[in-house]
Protein backbone atom coordinates (compact mmCIF):
# COMPACT_ATOMS: atom_id res chain seq x y z
CA MET A 1 1.08 -79.30 30.31
CA SER A 2 3.27 -79.98 27.26
CA ALA A 3 3.24 -83.35 25.55
CA PRO A 4 6.12 -85.73 26.31
CA LEU A 5 8.88 -86.12 23.75
CA TRP A 6 7.74 -89.70 23.09
CA THR A 7 4.90 -91.81 24.38
CA PHE A 8 6.36 -95.18 25.29
CA ALA A 9 4.27 -96.87 22.58
CA ASP A 10 5.68 -94.53 19.93
CA PHE A 11 9.16 -94.96 21.37
CA LEU A 12 8.92 -98.74 21.03
CA ALA A 13 7.59 -98.43 17.50
CA GLY A 14 10.40 -96.07 16.60
CA THR A 15 13.20 -98.21 17.97
CA GLY A 16 11.67 -101.55 16.98
CA GLY A 17 12.54 -102.80 20.45
CA ARG A 18 11.04 -105.35 22.84
CA PRO A 19 10.11 -104.06 26.32
CA ILE A 20 11.39 -105.89 29.39
CA GLY A 21 10.13 -105.05 32.87
CA ALA A 22 7.63 -102.40 33.90
CA SER A 23 7.07 -99.88 31.13
CA PRO A 24 6.98 -96.10 31.70
CA GLU A 25 4.16 -94.06 30.23
CA ALA A 26 6.47 -91.75 28.34
CA VAL A 27 10.02 -90.73 27.55
CA THR A 28 10.91 -87.08 28.14
CA GLY A 29 14.45 -87.03 26.75
CA ILE A 30 17.13 -89.05 24.97
CA SER A 31 20.63 -89.60 26.36
CA ILE A 32 23.76 -91.58 25.58
CA ASP A 33 25.69 -90.34 28.65
CA SER A 34 24.86 -91.70 32.10
CA ARG A 35 26.72 -88.77 33.70
CA THR A 36 24.17 -86.25 32.45
CA ILE A 37 21.04 -88.40 32.44
CA GLY A 38 17.81 -86.58 33.22
CA LYS A 39 14.78 -87.95 35.01
CA GLY A 40 12.50 -89.54 32.42
CA ASP A 41 15.22 -89.90 29.75
CA ALA A 42 15.73 -92.99 27.67
CA PHE A 43 19.36 -94.12 27.93
CA PHE A 44 20.86 -95.67 24.79
CA ALA A 45 23.74 -97.99 25.75
CA ILE A 46 25.98 -97.21 22.77
CA ARG A 47 29.42 -98.73 22.47
CA GLY A 48 31.96 -95.93 22.00
CA ASP A 49 35.66 -95.86 21.28
CA ALA A 50 36.59 -95.96 24.96
CA HIS A 51 33.52 -97.24 26.81
CA ASP A 52 30.54 -99.53 26.34
CA GLY A 53 27.27 -97.96 27.45
CA HIS A 54 26.05 -101.31 28.75
CA ASP A 55 28.48 -100.89 31.64
CA PHE A 56 26.47 -97.85 32.79
CA VAL A 57 22.88 -99.05 32.40
CA GLY A 58 22.41 -99.59 36.13
CA LYS A 59 23.81 -96.14 36.91
CA ALA A 60 21.51 -94.49 34.35
CA LEU A 61 18.39 -96.20 35.70
CA ALA A 62 19.35 -95.37 39.28
CA ALA A 63 19.74 -91.73 38.25
CA GLY A 64 16.14 -91.57 37.01
CA ALA A 65 16.19 -92.85 33.43
CA ALA A 66 12.74 -94.00 32.34
CA THR A 67 14.19 -96.89 30.35
CA ALA A 68 17.42 -98.14 28.82
CA VAL A 69 17.86 -99.37 25.26
CA VAL A 70 20.24 -102.33 25.24
CA ALA A 71 21.51 -104.96 22.81
CA ARG A 72 19.87 -108.37 23.08
CA ALA A 73 23.32 -109.92 23.21
CA HIS A 74 23.96 -108.13 26.53
CA LEU A 75 20.73 -109.13 28.28
CA SER A 76 22.27 -112.02 30.22
CA ALA A 77 24.97 -109.74 31.63
CA LEU A 78 22.28 -107.25 32.71
CA GLY A 79 20.24 -109.81 34.64
CA THR A 80 20.67 -108.02 37.98
CA VAL A 81 19.73 -104.58 36.67
CA ARG A 82 16.37 -103.32 37.96
CA GLY A 83 14.20 -101.12 35.79
CA SER A 84 12.70 -100.84 32.33
CA LEU A 85 14.76 -102.14 29.41
CA VAL A 86 14.16 -102.10 25.66
CA ALA A 87 16.01 -104.86 23.83
CA VAL A 88 17.17 -104.30 20.24
CA ASP A 89 19.59 -105.95 17.84
CA ASP A 90 21.88 -102.91 17.58
CA VAL A 91 21.64 -99.91 19.92
CA LEU A 92 23.11 -97.32 17.54
CA GLU A 93 20.86 -98.45 14.71
CA ALA A 94 17.86 -98.27 17.09
CA LEU A 95 18.80 -94.66 17.82
CA ALA A 96 18.99 -94.00 14.07
CA ASP A 97 15.57 -95.62 13.60
CA LEU A 98 14.11 -93.41 16.33
CA GLY A 99 15.65 -90.40 14.60
CA ARG A 100 14.00 -91.40 11.34
CA ALA A 101 10.69 -91.77 13.18
CA ALA A 102 11.09 -88.27 14.60
CA ARG A 103 11.73 -86.92 11.11
CA SER A 104 8.71 -88.76 9.69
CA ARG A 105 6.31 -87.31 12.25
CA SER A 106 7.70 -83.76 12.02
CA GLN A 107 6.14 -80.89 10.11
CA ALA A 108 9.15 -78.67 10.76
CA ARG A 109 10.99 -76.78 8.06
CA ILE A 110 14.53 -78.10 8.26
CA ALA A 111 18.00 -76.87 7.34
CA ALA A 112 21.24 -78.86 7.29
CA VAL A 113 24.68 -77.23 7.42
CA THR A 114 28.04 -78.60 6.35
CA GLY A 115 31.36 -77.08 5.32
CA SER A 116 35.04 -77.16 6.15
CA VAL A 117 34.71 -74.18 8.49
CA GLY A 118 31.84 -72.49 10.31
CA LYS A 119 29.31 -75.33 10.58
CA THR A 120 28.56 -74.92 14.27
CA SER A 121 28.45 -71.13 14.36
CA THR A 122 26.24 -71.06 11.25
CA LYS A 123 23.90 -73.66 12.75
CA GLU A 124 23.60 -71.68 15.98
CA THR A 125 23.19 -68.36 14.17
CA LEU A 126 20.43 -69.77 11.99
CA ALA A 127 18.65 -71.22 15.02
CA ARG A 128 18.87 -67.83 16.75
CA ALA A 129 17.59 -66.07 13.62
CA LEU A 130 14.54 -68.36 13.47
CA ALA A 131 13.74 -68.33 17.18
CA GLY A 132 11.27 -65.45 16.90
CA GLU A 133 9.10 -67.51 14.53
CA GLY A 134 8.30 -70.42 16.85
CA PRO A 135 9.92 -73.49 18.42
CA VAL A 136 13.36 -74.21 16.89
CA HIS A 137 15.21 -77.47 17.47
CA TYR A 138 18.98 -77.80 17.15
CA SER A 139 21.82 -79.53 18.94
CA PRO A 140 23.56 -77.61 21.75
CA ALA A 141 27.02 -78.72 20.57
CA SER A 142 28.77 -80.10 17.47
CA PHE A 143 26.65 -83.25 17.26
CA ASN A 144 27.43 -83.78 13.58
CA ASN A 145 28.56 -87.41 13.23
CA HIS A 146 27.11 -90.92 13.04
CA TRP A 147 25.71 -90.77 16.58
CA GLY A 148 25.27 -87.00 16.97
CA VAL A 149 22.87 -86.55 14.04
CA PRO A 150 20.46 -89.38 14.97
CA LEU A 151 20.63 -88.28 18.63
CA THR A 152 19.63 -84.73 17.64
CA LEU A 153 16.84 -86.08 15.44
CA ALA A 154 15.51 -88.36 18.17
CA ARG A 155 15.37 -85.37 20.53
CA MET A 156 13.30 -83.27 18.10
CA PRO A 157 9.90 -82.42 19.63
CA ALA A 158 6.91 -83.12 17.41
CA ASP A 159 5.77 -79.49 17.59
CA SER A 160 9.04 -77.95 16.31
CA ARG A 161 8.39 -75.35 13.64
CA PHE A 162 12.01 -75.26 12.48
CA ALA A 163 15.06 -77.46 12.98
CA VAL A 164 18.72 -76.93 12.13
CA PHE A 165 21.21 -79.80 11.86
CA GLU A 166 24.98 -79.80 11.52
CA ILE A 167 26.52 -82.59 9.43
CA GLY A 168 30.25 -83.23 9.38
CA MET A 169 32.68 -85.71 7.90
CA ASN A 170 36.35 -86.56 7.60
CA HIS A 171 36.02 -89.35 5.03
CA PRO A 172 34.04 -89.67 1.78
CA GLY A 173 30.61 -91.27 2.13
CA GLU A 174 29.95 -90.17 5.70
CA ILE A 175 27.48 -87.37 4.94
CA THR A 176 25.15 -89.36 2.68
CA PRO A 177 23.47 -91.61 5.29
CA LEU A 178 23.15 -88.72 7.74
CA VAL A 179 21.51 -86.27 5.36
CA LYS A 180 19.11 -88.97 4.21
CA MET A 181 17.96 -89.22 7.84
CA VAL A 182 17.57 -85.44 8.19
CA ARG A 183 15.93 -84.80 4.78
CA PRO A 184 16.38 -81.02 4.90
CA HIS A 185 14.48 -78.44 2.90
CA VAL A 186 17.60 -76.27 2.70
CA ALA A 187 21.22 -77.49 2.57
CA ILE A 188 24.04 -75.02 3.30
CA VAL A 189 27.72 -75.46 2.41
CA THR A 190 29.65 -72.75 4.26
CA THR A 191 32.96 -73.28 2.42
CA VAL A 192 35.42 -75.92 1.24
CA GLU A 193 39.00 -75.71 2.46
CA ALA A 194 42.10 -77.84 3.01
CA VAL A 195 40.74 -79.74 6.00
CA HIS A 196 41.21 -83.49 6.68
CA LEU A 197 43.68 -83.62 3.79
CA GLU A 198 45.18 -86.68 5.43
CA PHE A 199 42.13 -88.60 4.18
CA PHE A 200 41.64 -86.97 0.74
CA ARG A 201 43.68 -86.67 -2.44
CA ASP A 202 42.97 -82.95 -2.82
CA VAL A 203 40.53 -80.17 -1.92
CA ALA A 204 38.30 -80.98 -4.91
CA GLU A 205 37.70 -84.42 -3.40
CA ILE A 206 36.72 -82.72 -0.15
CA ALA A 207 34.23 -80.61 -2.12
CA ARG A 208 32.71 -83.74 -3.65
CA ALA A 209 32.33 -85.24 -0.18
CA LYS A 210 30.64 -82.07 1.10
CA ALA A 211 28.31 -82.17 -1.92
CA GLU A 212 26.81 -85.39 -0.54
CA ILE A 213 24.60 -83.11 1.57
CA PHE A 214 22.50 -82.43 -1.52
CA LEU A 215 21.54 -86.10 -1.84
CA GLY A 216 19.01 -85.86 1.00
CA VAL A 217 17.32 -82.55 0.18
CA GLU A 218 13.54 -82.71 -0.03
CA PRO A 219 11.77 -82.17 -3.37
CA ASP A 220 11.51 -78.45 -4.18
CA GLY A 221 14.28 -77.78 -1.67
CA ALA A 222 17.23 -75.42 -2.07
CA ALA A 223 21.02 -75.42 -1.88
CA VAL A 224 22.89 -72.44 -0.39
CA ILE A 225 26.54 -72.42 -1.47
CA ASN A 226 29.52 -70.11 -0.93
CA ARG A 227 29.78 -68.24 -4.25
CA ASP A 228 33.27 -66.94 -3.41
CA ASN A 229 34.75 -70.41 -3.00
CA PRO A 230 36.72 -71.77 -5.98
CA HIS A 231 34.68 -74.99 -5.81
CA TYR A 232 31.31 -73.25 -6.19
CA GLU A 233 30.67 -74.60 -9.69
CA LEU A 234 31.52 -78.16 -8.64
CA LEU A 235 29.09 -77.88 -5.72
CA ALA A 236 26.37 -76.19 -7.76
CA ASP A 237 26.62 -78.85 -10.46
CA ALA A 238 26.37 -81.55 -7.80
CA ALA A 239 23.27 -79.88 -6.34
CA ARG A 240 21.58 -79.77 -9.73
CA ALA A 241 22.57 -83.38 -10.42
CA ALA A 242 20.83 -84.29 -7.15
CA GLY A 243 17.63 -82.71 -8.50
CA ILE A 244 17.85 -79.36 -6.71
CA ALA A 245 16.60 -76.64 -9.03
CA HIS A 246 16.98 -73.73 -6.61
CA VAL A 247 20.69 -73.04 -6.09
CA VAL A 248 21.56 -69.86 -4.15
CA GLY A 249 25.09 -68.47 -4.01
CA PHE A 250 26.21 -66.25 -1.15
CA GLY A 251 29.22 -63.96 -0.80
CA GLU A 252 30.78 -60.90 -2.43
CA ASN A 253 30.61 -62.25 -5.97
CA ARG A 254 28.38 -60.01 -8.07
CA GLU A 255 26.42 -63.04 -9.25
CA ALA A 256 25.61 -64.18 -5.72
CA GLU A 257 21.90 -64.20 -4.92
CA ALA A 258 22.73 -63.44 -1.27
CA ARG A 259 25.27 -60.69 -1.86
CA LEU A 260 27.39 -58.60 0.48
CA GLU A 261 27.26 -54.94 -0.52
CA VAL A 262 29.02 -53.06 2.30
CA VAL A 263 30.61 -54.20 5.56
CA LYS A 264 32.18 -52.27 8.41
CA LEU A 265 34.27 -54.54 10.63
CA LYS A 266 34.57 -53.36 14.22
CA PRO A 267 36.48 -54.90 17.14
CA GLU A 268 33.32 -56.22 18.80
CA CYS A 269 30.68 -56.29 16.04
CA SER A 270 30.09 -55.88 12.30
CA CYS A 271 27.68 -53.65 10.38
CA VAL A 272 26.43 -55.10 7.10
CA SER A 273 24.44 -54.05 4.05
CA ALA A 274 23.40 -56.88 1.73
CA ASN A 275 21.01 -57.96 -0.97
CA ILE A 276 19.35 -61.22 0.01
CA LEU A 277 17.31 -62.84 -2.76
CA GLY A 278 16.51 -59.44 -4.24
CA GLU A 279 15.75 -57.70 -0.96
CA GLU A 280 18.04 -54.94 0.35
CA ILE A 281 18.74 -55.28 4.06
CA ALA A 282 21.02 -53.63 6.62
CA TYR A 283 21.85 -55.36 9.90
CA LYS A 284 24.35 -55.64 12.72
CA LEU A 285 26.16 -58.79 13.84
CA GLY A 286 26.74 -58.84 17.59
CA ALA A 287 29.93 -60.92 17.24
CA PRO A 288 32.97 -59.69 15.28
CA GLY A 289 34.71 -61.39 12.36
CA ARG A 290 34.71 -61.26 8.58
CA HIS A 291 33.98 -64.99 8.40
CA LEU A 292 30.80 -64.53 10.45
CA VAL A 293 29.66 -61.80 8.07
CA GLN A 294 30.08 -64.19 5.14
CA ASN A 295 28.04 -66.92 6.78
CA SER A 296 25.34 -64.49 7.94
CA LEU A 297 24.45 -64.09 4.26
CA ALA A 298 23.78 -67.83 4.07
CA VAL A 299 21.77 -67.66 7.28
CA LEU A 300 19.45 -64.92 6.03
CA ALA A 301 19.01 -66.66 2.68
CA ALA A 302 18.09 -69.86 4.52
CA VAL A 303 15.60 -68.01 6.73
CA SER A 304 13.83 -66.72 3.62
CA LEU A 305 13.90 -70.11 1.90
CA LEU A 306 12.47 -71.78 5.01
CA GLY A 307 9.58 -69.33 5.10
CA GLY A 308 10.81 -67.20 7.99
CA ASP A 309 10.73 -63.43 8.46
CA MET A 310 14.09 -62.10 7.23
CA ALA A 311 13.71 -58.68 8.85
CA LYS A 312 12.99 -60.25 12.22
CA ALA A 313 15.91 -62.61 11.74
CA ALA A 314 18.26 -59.74 10.97
CA LEU A 315 17.29 -58.01 14.21
CA ALA A 316 18.07 -61.19 16.14
CA LEU A 317 21.61 -61.25 14.73
CA ALA A 318 22.44 -58.04 16.58
CA ALA A 319 22.27 -59.92 19.88
CA MET A 320 24.36 -62.85 18.66
CA PRO A 321 27.25 -63.60 21.05
CA ALA A 322 30.44 -65.39 20.07
CA PRO A 323 30.37 -68.85 21.68
CA LYS A 324 33.11 -70.01 24.03
CA GLY A 325 35.95 -71.43 21.99
CA ARG A 326 34.76 -69.65 18.84
CA GLY A 327 35.69 -66.03 19.41
CA ALA A 328 34.22 -65.34 22.85
CA ARG A 329 36.02 -62.51 24.64
CA PHE A 330 36.91 -62.46 28.30
CA ALA A 331 38.26 -59.71 30.53
CA LEU A 332 41.53 -60.50 32.30
CA LYS A 333 42.90 -58.76 35.37
CA VAL A 334 46.66 -58.18 35.14
CA LYS A 335 49.02 -56.27 37.35
CA GLY A 336 48.21 -52.59 37.04
CA GLY A 337 45.21 -52.96 34.71
CA SER A 338 43.37 -55.32 32.35
CA ALA A 339 43.78 -57.37 29.19
CA THR A 340 41.45 -59.26 26.84
CA LEU A 341 41.38 -62.95 25.90
CA ILE A 342 39.83 -64.05 22.60
CA ASP A 343 39.04 -67.74 22.98
CA GLU A 344 39.15 -69.38 19.54
CA SER A 345 40.39 -72.67 20.98
CA TYR A 346 37.68 -74.95 19.55
CA ASN A 347 39.55 -76.84 16.85
CA ALA A 348 41.56 -75.42 13.93
CA ASN A 349 42.39 -75.83 10.27
CA PRO A 350 44.16 -73.45 7.89
CA ALA A 351 40.99 -71.52 7.01
CA SER A 352 39.70 -71.11 10.56
CA MET A 353 43.21 -70.26 11.76
CA ARG A 354 43.43 -67.44 9.21
CA ALA A 355 39.99 -66.19 10.26
CA ALA A 356 41.01 -66.19 13.94
CA ILE A 357 44.24 -64.32 13.15
CA ALA A 358 42.24 -61.74 11.18
CA LEU A 359 39.91 -61.38 14.17
CA LEU A 360 42.94 -60.67 16.36
CA GLY A 361 44.03 -58.09 13.79
CA GLN A 362 40.67 -56.30 14.16
CA ALA A 363 41.07 -56.08 17.92
CA MET A 364 42.46 -52.82 19.30
CA PRO A 365 44.89 -53.23 22.19
CA GLN A 366 44.88 -50.57 24.86
CA PRO A 367 47.82 -48.12 25.03
CA ARG A 368 51.03 -50.09 25.61
CA GLY A 369 49.13 -53.29 24.80
CA ARG A 370 50.10 -55.88 22.20
CA ARG A 371 48.41 -58.42 19.97
CA ILE A 372 49.53 -61.88 21.12
CA ALA A 373 48.71 -65.09 19.20
CA ILE A 374 48.95 -68.47 20.97
CA LEU A 375 48.66 -71.20 18.36
CA GLY A 376 48.65 -75.00 18.54
CA ASP A 377 49.16 -77.66 15.89
CA MET A 378 46.58 -78.17 13.13
CA ARG A 379 45.95 -81.89 12.65
CA GLU A 380 44.90 -84.19 9.77
CA LEU A 381 46.68 -82.17 7.07
CA GLY A 382 48.83 -84.99 5.73
CA ALA A 383 51.92 -84.21 3.67
CA GLU A 384 50.88 -80.55 3.30
CA ALA A 385 51.10 -79.90 7.06
CA PRO A 386 54.55 -78.20 7.13
CA ALA A 387 53.70 -75.78 4.31
CA LEU A 388 50.24 -75.01 5.71
CA HIS A 389 51.68 -74.22 9.13
CA ALA A 390 54.48 -72.07 7.70
CA GLY A 391 51.90 -70.28 5.55
CA LEU A 392 50.38 -68.66 8.65
CA ALA A 393 53.36 -66.30 8.92
CA GLN A 394 51.89 -63.95 6.30
CA PRO A 395 48.41 -63.63 7.93
CA LEU A 396 50.13 -62.96 11.27
CA ALA A 397 52.15 -60.17 9.69
CA GLU A 398 49.08 -58.69 8.00
CA ALA A 399 47.23 -58.71 11.33
CA GLN A 400 50.15 -56.84 12.93
CA VAL A 401 50.57 -59.47 15.63
CA ASP A 402 53.33 -58.47 18.05
CA LEU A 403 54.13 -61.81 19.70
CA VAL A 404 53.49 -65.42 18.70
CA TYR A 405 53.58 -68.41 21.05
CA LEU A 406 53.44 -71.87 19.50
CA ALA A 407 52.70 -75.35 20.83
CA GLY A 408 53.34 -78.72 19.19
CA PRO A 409 55.81 -80.27 16.75
CA LEU A 410 53.95 -79.19 13.61
CA MET A 411 54.25 -75.54 14.65
CA GLN A 412 58.03 -75.79 14.22
CA SER A 413 57.47 -74.92 10.56
CA LEU A 414 55.72 -71.69 11.50
CA TRP A 415 58.36 -70.88 14.12
CA ASP A 416 61.05 -71.15 11.46
CA ALA A 417 59.05 -68.83 9.15
CA LEU A 418 58.49 -66.08 11.73
CA PRO A 419 60.70 -62.99 12.06
CA PRO A 420 62.81 -63.24 15.24
CA ASP A 421 61.23 -60.14 16.80
CA VAL A 422 57.75 -61.72 17.00
CA ARG A 423 58.85 -65.10 18.35
CA GLY A 424 57.55 -65.50 21.88
CA ALA A 425 58.20 -69.17 22.62
CA HIS A 426 57.75 -72.61 21.06
CA ALA A 427 57.01 -75.60 23.31
CA ALA A 428 56.23 -79.26 22.85
CA SER A 429 52.77 -78.89 24.42
CA ALA A 430 50.27 -76.19 25.29
CA ALA A 431 50.78 -76.70 29.02
CA ASP A 432 54.51 -76.08 28.60
CA LEU A 433 53.77 -72.57 27.33
CA LEU A 434 51.92 -71.44 30.44
CA PRO A 435 54.87 -70.29 32.59
CA ALA A 436 56.14 -68.02 29.81
CA LEU A 437 52.64 -66.69 29.13
CA TYR A 438 52.00 -65.91 32.78
CA GLU A 439 55.15 -63.78 32.73
CA THR A 440 54.32 -62.12 29.40
CA ILE A 441 50.65 -61.09 29.52
CA GLY A 442 50.38 -57.47 30.53
CA ILE A 443 48.31 -54.30 30.55
CA GLY A 444 46.25 -53.68 27.42
CA ASP A 445 47.19 -56.90 25.65
CA VAL A 446 44.76 -58.78 23.42
CA ILE A 447 45.51 -62.51 23.47
CA MET A 448 44.05 -65.00 20.98
CA VAL A 449 44.21 -68.79 21.49
CA LYS A 450 43.68 -71.24 18.60
CA GLY A 451 44.54 -74.85 17.74
CA SER A 452 43.16 -78.29 16.95
CA ASN A 453 41.35 -79.93 19.84
CA ALA A 454 44.13 -82.51 20.13
CA SER A 455 46.63 -79.72 20.76
CA ARG A 456 44.86 -78.94 24.07
CA MET A 457 44.50 -75.23 23.52
CA GLY A 458 41.10 -75.17 25.25
CA PRO A 459 42.60 -76.05 28.65
CA LEU A 460 45.32 -73.47 28.03
CA ALA A 461 42.71 -70.76 27.43
CA GLU A 462 40.87 -71.85 30.57
CA ALA A 463 44.13 -71.74 32.58
CA ILE A 464 44.76 -68.16 31.43
CA ARG A 465 41.22 -67.16 32.39
CA THR A 466 41.64 -68.71 35.82
CA ARG A 467 45.06 -67.17 36.45
CA PHE A 468 43.91 -63.68 35.47
CA ALA A 469 40.28 -63.84 36.59
CA PRO A 470 38.84 -60.45 37.58
CA ALA A 471 37.12 -60.11 40.93
CA PRO A 472 33.44 -60.55 39.97
CA GLY A 473 31.04 -57.69 40.44
CA PRO A 474 27.27 -58.22 40.96
CA ALA A 475 26.52 -58.67 37.25
CA GLU A 476 29.49 -60.92 36.64
CA GLN A 477 28.58 -63.09 39.62
CA ARG A 478 25.32 -63.85 37.88
CA GLN A 479 26.48 -64.03 34.28
CA GLY A 480 30.20 -64.87 34.29
CA GLN A 481 33.02 -62.95 32.69
CA GLU A 482 32.17 -63.23 29.01
CA ILE A 483 32.18 -59.75 27.49
CA ALA A 484 31.45 -60.45 23.83
């Protein structure tokens, strides 16, 4: 029988809390959401932007939570709640303290990933690459902020051999406290691009904020930095200033220590030859996209730096699927035949938008089929937003996209920049595009959906999948319709 995530004694020591009521023997999981609470979990009653977790303590305990961590100031209001409570001064800080306790007890080799684009996919690819070496801990989603990082830390089993953390930001100073909790042995910066410009003077300031990830790297640790990015030297200098002697560049640059030699981009995969830290290696990526090839170099370098088996890791990359919302492909049934949906709907910025458009360009429509891009507004770009939206016209032309459908007021700039013959429709919202899309999608088409989360492109992609869902066969009934 495996050991529990936390004995209750260690849990109390980690949170610094005071127990109230009957105490459980152990805690088997950590949760901040009463809707998904598991039996034996500890529920942390965090106050969010829309809800206060204290309002759901009774529900969490009734659903099987072993205990609930609550603020002392709320105890009087919780007088009728039955079950184990742990009283603390501040619930979010108690979660952070438990995360630090998890890090202190861990012997795992740890990587942390940041960057303007590709954090989540790189984190998941690295976790997959390390999985053959032993237990790997990582978050199942983009848990990269002030509650997501400590939550992921607090959930880290003591016997993890490796762990991979994603750290994000949209303001200066946000990465520093998070990386000092994680204390990674390897820090990866995927790239620096014009993202969150609303909150920064320029892209160089974004690079300096990303460089905060080096401030928490363990002694004798390493930094893995995109050598093709114009801010490489700024980042490398920041890494050395933080005391990191081992700086590894990755990319096509001839001076990169993790260097791309040859790549063959295919519609549903990529074949790569590279030199990783002096070792020649050839491998296949199971998911398509030039941007994924770039970040796979960082992944393999990190595997080596963490003490993993790079050859075994490279084999694991061949089975890597594209996650939903990040390039996953789905079969659609249309009148008289089939079409393909590329779901890139999880968030967008100028760099990831260009990568998604390039991915559409790699796709090969069937005879009579077309490449169709459905794009929503990119947010948090400040005064540069009109120019950055209009600037997508050139990548769309290079990708030989036949029709473009746009949603949101910011996309007006791109609409104005497009040739008339590729204009499909422009609507105020994603939902408003659906009637036109239902009429347009036809045999052999490849459709790509992309936009910031606030533009609601995810529900649009889901609506298209539902409208054109194939009749499931035996395999699809078990596994769903994902084909990438």
